[in-house]
Amino acid sequence: MKRGKRYLELLKKIDRQKAYSIDEAIETVRNLKSAKFDETVEATYVLNVDPKQADQNVRGVITLPHGTGKSVKVLVFATADKAQEAKDAGADYVGGEDLIQKIEKEGFLDFDVAIATPDMMKSLGRIAKILGPRKLMPSPKSGTVTMDIYDTVKEFKAGKIEFRVDKTGVIHTVIGKSSFTPEQLKENLLALNSAIIKSRPASVRGQYVKKVYLSLTMSPAVKVNVNELLRA
């Protein structure tokens, strides 16, 4: 892939052979800010797993101590009292069959998280092929199929995120913004790190976390010392 001049200039600020300490990696990635907007800080975990094996399809949820810095749009599939709970909690979109049809017929996908009550799941089967590939399908494993609608909406609005391994064995997720302090980013990273390590499948042999990188929306990646993360 051909890189732009700005990207190549940023690359000169990184020692690509070095595994930076947690503090060094955070400070380095913050210094790579080059865009006029508040860039997202992303963490990438390369895991020694085979996602084709059901028991190694690593996924989970974590509420970051300082949130993501992003305004999260939450959609809730619910009716009656639970629909009102969702509205009271601040959900952006709430509905049942009407929302399903809007997604199915109009391709509506202007939301970041979808939550559903268990009774709605049968109806959602019609749009599973639309939501699934975009990682928007409600799931009990991610805590997005629940009767506790009010608290769940509040948690996702406050910075609760879902992490899941892709088909190559890699987790990409957000840990904050470039405007966050180093301490905020570190606490968010360590919270995510702990959740990923606790999600280690029992069938995995050898080193579970192979590589970890931090990057900004518009920057190259900075390699983090995995051994330090495992001790954190």
Protein backbone atom coordinates (compact mmCIF):
# COMPACT_ATOMS: atom_id res chain seq x y z
CA MET A 1 0.00 0.00 0.00
CA LYS A 2 1.35 3.40 -1.00
CA ARG A 3 1.60 5.76 1.99
CA GLY A 4 1.20 9.54 1.96
CA LYS A 5 3.97 11.99 2.80
CA ARG A 6 2.51 12.80 6.23
CA TYR A 7 2.34 9.11 7.19
CA LEU A 8 5.94 8.56 6.10
CA GLU A 9 7.07 11.54 8.17
CA LEU A 10 5.33 10.11 11.24
CA LEU A 11 6.97 6.75 10.60
CA LYS A 12 10.37 8.39 11.17
CA LYS A 13 9.36 9.09 14.79
CA ILE A 14 9.00 5.40 15.57
CA ASP A 15 11.60 2.71 16.15
CA ARG A 16 9.82 -0.16 14.39
CA GLN A 17 12.20 -2.73 15.87
CA LYS A 18 11.46 -1.66 19.44
CA ALA A 19 8.80 -2.97 21.81
CA TYR A 20 7.99 0.15 23.84
CA SER A 21 7.07 0.09 27.50
CA ILE A 22 3.43 0.90 28.21
CA ASP A 23 4.19 4.48 29.24
CA GLU A 24 6.57 5.05 26.32
CA ALA A 25 4.10 3.62 23.81
CA ILE A 26 1.30 5.87 25.04
CA GLU A 27 3.46 8.98 25.00
CA THR A 28 4.85 8.12 21.56
CA VAL A 29 1.44 7.52 20.01
CA ARG A 30 0.07 10.76 21.49
CA ASN A 31 2.97 12.61 19.86
CA LEU A 32 1.99 11.19 16.47
CA LYS A 33 -1.15 13.33 16.34
CA SER A 34 -1.26 15.07 12.98
CA ALA A 35 -4.94 15.56 12.14
CA LYS A 36 -6.97 18.64 13.04
CA PHE A 37 -9.66 16.51 14.70
CA ASP A 38 -9.44 14.57 17.97
CA GLU A 39 -8.04 11.29 16.70
CA THR A 40 -9.13 7.95 18.12
CA VAL A 41 -6.55 5.84 19.97
CA GLU A 42 -6.82 2.20 18.97
CA ALA A 43 -5.37 -0.96 20.49
CA THR A 44 -4.62 -4.01 18.35
CA TYR A 45 -4.07 -7.42 19.93
CA VAL A 46 -2.65 -10.25 17.82
CA LEU A 47 -3.64 -13.49 19.54
CA ASN A 48 -2.52 -17.08 19.23
CA VAL A 49 -6.04 -18.40 18.60
CA ASP A 50 -7.93 -20.11 15.79
CA PRO A 51 -11.28 -18.27 15.47
CA LYS A 52 -12.62 -21.13 13.34
CA GLN A 53 -12.72 -23.15 16.56
CA ALA A 54 -15.87 -22.19 18.47
CA ASP A 55 -14.11 -22.28 21.84
CA GLN A 56 -11.35 -19.92 20.59
CA ASN A 57 -13.64 -17.19 19.23
CA VAL A 58 -12.56 -14.67 21.85
CA ARG A 59 -15.06 -11.94 22.69
CA GLY A 60 -16.25 -9.97 25.67
CA VAL A 61 -17.32 -6.60 27.00
CA ILE A 62 -15.57 -4.06 29.19
CA THR A 63 -16.54 -0.69 30.59
CA LEU A 64 -13.49 1.52 30.13
CA PRO A 65 -12.70 3.60 33.25
CA HIS A 66 -12.67 6.82 31.20
CA GLY A 67 -15.02 5.85 28.39
CA THR A 68 -14.05 6.03 24.72
CA GLY A 69 -14.44 9.76 24.21
CA LYS A 70 -16.93 8.94 21.49
CA SER A 71 -20.64 9.69 21.43
CA VAL A 72 -22.20 6.23 21.12
CA LYS A 73 -25.48 5.80 19.24
CA VAL A 74 -27.53 3.05 20.86
CA LEU A 75 -30.47 1.29 19.20
CA VAL A 76 -32.84 -0.87 21.24
CA PHE A 77 -35.24 -3.51 19.95
CA ALA A 78 -37.97 -3.62 22.58
CA THR A 79 -41.67 -3.00 23.10
CA ALA A 80 -44.03 -1.77 25.82
CA ASP A 81 -42.42 -1.12 29.24
CA LYS A 82 -38.93 -2.11 28.06
CA ALA A 83 -39.15 0.34 25.18
CA GLN A 84 -39.93 3.09 27.67
CA GLU A 85 -36.96 1.99 29.81
CA ALA A 86 -34.72 2.38 26.78
CA LYS A 87 -36.02 5.87 26.09
CA ASP A 88 -35.62 6.87 29.74
CA ALA A 89 -32.00 5.64 29.67
CA GLY A 90 -31.18 7.78 26.65
CA ALA A 91 -31.27 5.28 23.76
CA ASP A 92 -31.08 7.00 20.38
CA TYR A 93 -33.48 4.69 18.59
CA VAL A 94 -36.16 2.46 20.14
CA GLY A 95 -38.67 0.19 18.44
CA GLY A 96 -39.70 -3.27 17.39
CA GLU A 97 -41.01 -4.35 14.00
CA ASP A 98 -40.75 -0.78 12.71
CA LEU A 99 -36.99 -0.68 13.28
CA ILE A 100 -36.50 -4.16 11.85
CA GLN A 101 -38.24 -3.09 8.64
CA LYS A 102 -36.25 0.15 8.51
CA ILE A 103 -33.01 -1.86 8.60
CA GLU A 104 -34.30 -4.57 6.26
CA LYS A 105 -35.84 -2.33 3.60
CA GLU A 106 -33.99 0.97 3.93
CA GLY A 107 -30.56 -0.25 4.98
CA PHE A 108 -30.65 1.89 8.14
CA LEU A 109 -27.43 1.36 10.10
CA ASP A 110 -26.77 4.71 11.77
CA PHE A 111 -25.97 3.26 15.20
CA ASP A 112 -22.97 1.82 17.06
CA VAL A 113 -24.61 -0.69 19.41
CA ALA A 114 -27.81 -2.71 19.16
CA ILE A 115 -29.50 -4.06 22.28
CA ALA A 116 -32.56 -6.35 22.38
CA THR A 117 -34.90 -8.01 24.83
CA PRO A 118 -34.89 -11.83 24.52
CA ASP A 119 -38.41 -11.92 23.04
CA MET A 120 -37.23 -9.82 20.07
CA MET A 121 -34.49 -12.23 18.97
CA LYS A 122 -36.74 -14.47 16.86
CA SER A 123 -37.83 -11.47 14.78
CA LEU A 124 -34.22 -10.28 14.43
CA GLY A 125 -33.35 -13.44 12.51
CA ARG A 126 -34.57 -11.66 9.37
CA ILE A 127 -31.80 -9.07 9.60
CA ALA A 128 -29.04 -11.23 11.11
CA LYS A 129 -27.19 -11.29 7.77
CA ILE A 130 -27.23 -7.49 7.74
CA LEU A 131 -26.21 -6.90 11.36
CA GLY A 132 -23.88 -9.88 11.83
CA PRO A 133 -21.07 -8.92 9.41
CA ARG A 134 -21.09 -5.39 10.88
CA LYS A 135 -20.81 -6.74 14.44
CA LEU A 136 -24.15 -5.13 15.34
CA MET A 137 -26.20 -8.26 16.04
CA PRO A 138 -27.35 -8.41 19.68
CA SER A 139 -25.84 -11.36 21.54
CA PRO A 140 -26.10 -12.80 25.07
CA LYS A 141 -22.28 -13.18 25.09
CA SER A 142 -21.78 -9.46 24.62
CA GLY A 143 -24.50 -8.55 27.12
CA THR A 144 -26.67 -6.97 24.45
CA VAL A 145 -29.57 -9.42 24.81
CA THR A 146 -31.04 -8.61 28.18
CA MET A 147 -34.10 -7.65 30.19
CA ASP A 148 -32.02 -5.09 32.08
CA ILE A 149 -32.49 -2.51 29.34
CA TYR A 150 -32.10 0.66 31.39
CA ASP A 151 -28.71 -0.17 32.93
CA THR A 152 -27.37 -1.73 29.72
CA VAL A 153 -28.15 1.37 27.68
CA LYS A 154 -26.55 3.56 30.36
CA GLU A 155 -23.39 1.40 30.38
CA PHE A 156 -22.88 1.53 26.62
CA LYS A 157 -23.56 5.25 26.59
CA ALA A 158 -20.91 5.65 29.32
CA GLY A 159 -18.18 3.80 27.42
CA LYS A 160 -18.85 0.08 27.62
CA ILE A 161 -17.33 -1.61 24.57
CA GLU A 162 -17.42 -5.05 23.02
CA PHE A 163 -14.18 -6.66 21.84
CA ARG A 164 -14.03 -9.69 19.59
CA VAL A 165 -11.40 -11.47 17.57
CA ASP A 166 -11.67 -11.30 13.78
CA LYS A 167 -11.12 -14.18 11.40
CA THR A 168 -7.35 -13.60 11.43
CA GLY A 169 -7.07 -13.84 15.23
CA VAL A 170 -6.79 -10.08 15.81
CA ILE A 171 -8.75 -7.76 18.11
CA HIS A 172 -9.08 -4.11 17.08
CA THR A 173 -10.76 -1.77 19.54
CA VAL A 174 -10.87 1.80 20.82
CA ILE A 175 -9.29 2.89 24.11
CA GLY A 176 -9.83 6.65 23.94
CA LYS A 177 -8.94 9.86 22.14
CA SER A 178 -5.69 11.70 21.49
CA SER A 179 -6.95 14.42 23.86
CA PHE A 180 -7.00 11.95 26.78
CA THR A 181 -4.23 12.25 29.34
CA PRO A 182 -1.53 9.54 29.41
CA GLU A 183 -3.00 8.32 32.71
CA GLN A 184 -6.49 7.97 31.24
CA LEU A 185 -5.22 6.05 28.23
CA LYS A 186 -3.10 3.78 30.42
CA GLU A 187 -5.99 2.95 32.74
CA ASN A 188 -8.24 2.21 29.77
CA LEU A 189 -5.58 0.04 28.12
CA LEU A 190 -4.93 -1.94 31.30
CA ALA A 191 -8.66 -2.51 31.81
CA LEU A 192 -8.97 -3.84 28.26
CA ASN A 193 -5.79 -5.88 28.66
CA SER A 194 -7.11 -7.54 31.80
CA ALA A 195 -10.41 -8.42 30.11
CA ILE A 196 -8.67 -9.94 27.09
CA ILE A 197 -6.30 -12.00 29.24
CA LYS A 198 -9.22 -13.28 31.36
CA SER A 199 -10.92 -14.33 28.10
CA ARG A 200 -8.09 -16.71 27.21
CA PRO A 201 -9.59 -19.98 25.90
CA ALA A 202 -8.63 -23.05 27.91
CA SER A 203 -7.64 -24.87 24.70
CA VAL A 204 -4.94 -22.36 23.74
CA ARG A 205 -1.41 -23.70 24.09
CA GLY A 206 1.72 -21.57 24.30
CA GLN A 207 1.80 -17.79 24.27
CA TYR A 208 -1.73 -16.36 24.09
CA VAL A 209 -0.95 -12.69 23.34
CA LYS A 210 1.61 -12.51 20.53
CA LYS A 211 1.76 -8.78 19.75
CA VAL A 212 0.10 -5.54 20.86
CA TYR A 213 0.08 -2.21 19.05
CA LEU A 214 -1.26 1.28 19.72
CA SER A 215 -2.11 3.73 16.96
CA LEU A 216 -4.10 6.84 16.13
CA THR A 217 -6.68 7.15 13.38
CA MET A 218 -4.10 8.65 11.00
CA SER A 219 -0.84 7.25 12.39
CA PRO A 220 1.45 4.23 12.08
CA ALA A 221 1.35 1.67 14.88
CA VAL A 222 3.59 1.60 17.95
CA LYS A 223 4.55 -1.84 19.28
CA VAL A 224 3.99 -2.40 23.01
CA ASN A 225 6.08 -4.70 25.22
CA VAL A 226 3.83 -7.76 25.62
CA ASN A 227 5.71 -9.10 28.65
CA GLU A 228 5.04 -5.90 30.56
CA LEU A 229 1.34 -6.08 29.68
CA LEU A 230 1.15 -9.66 30.87
CA ARG A 231 2.62 -8.62 34.23
CA ALA A 232 0.39 -5.52 34.57
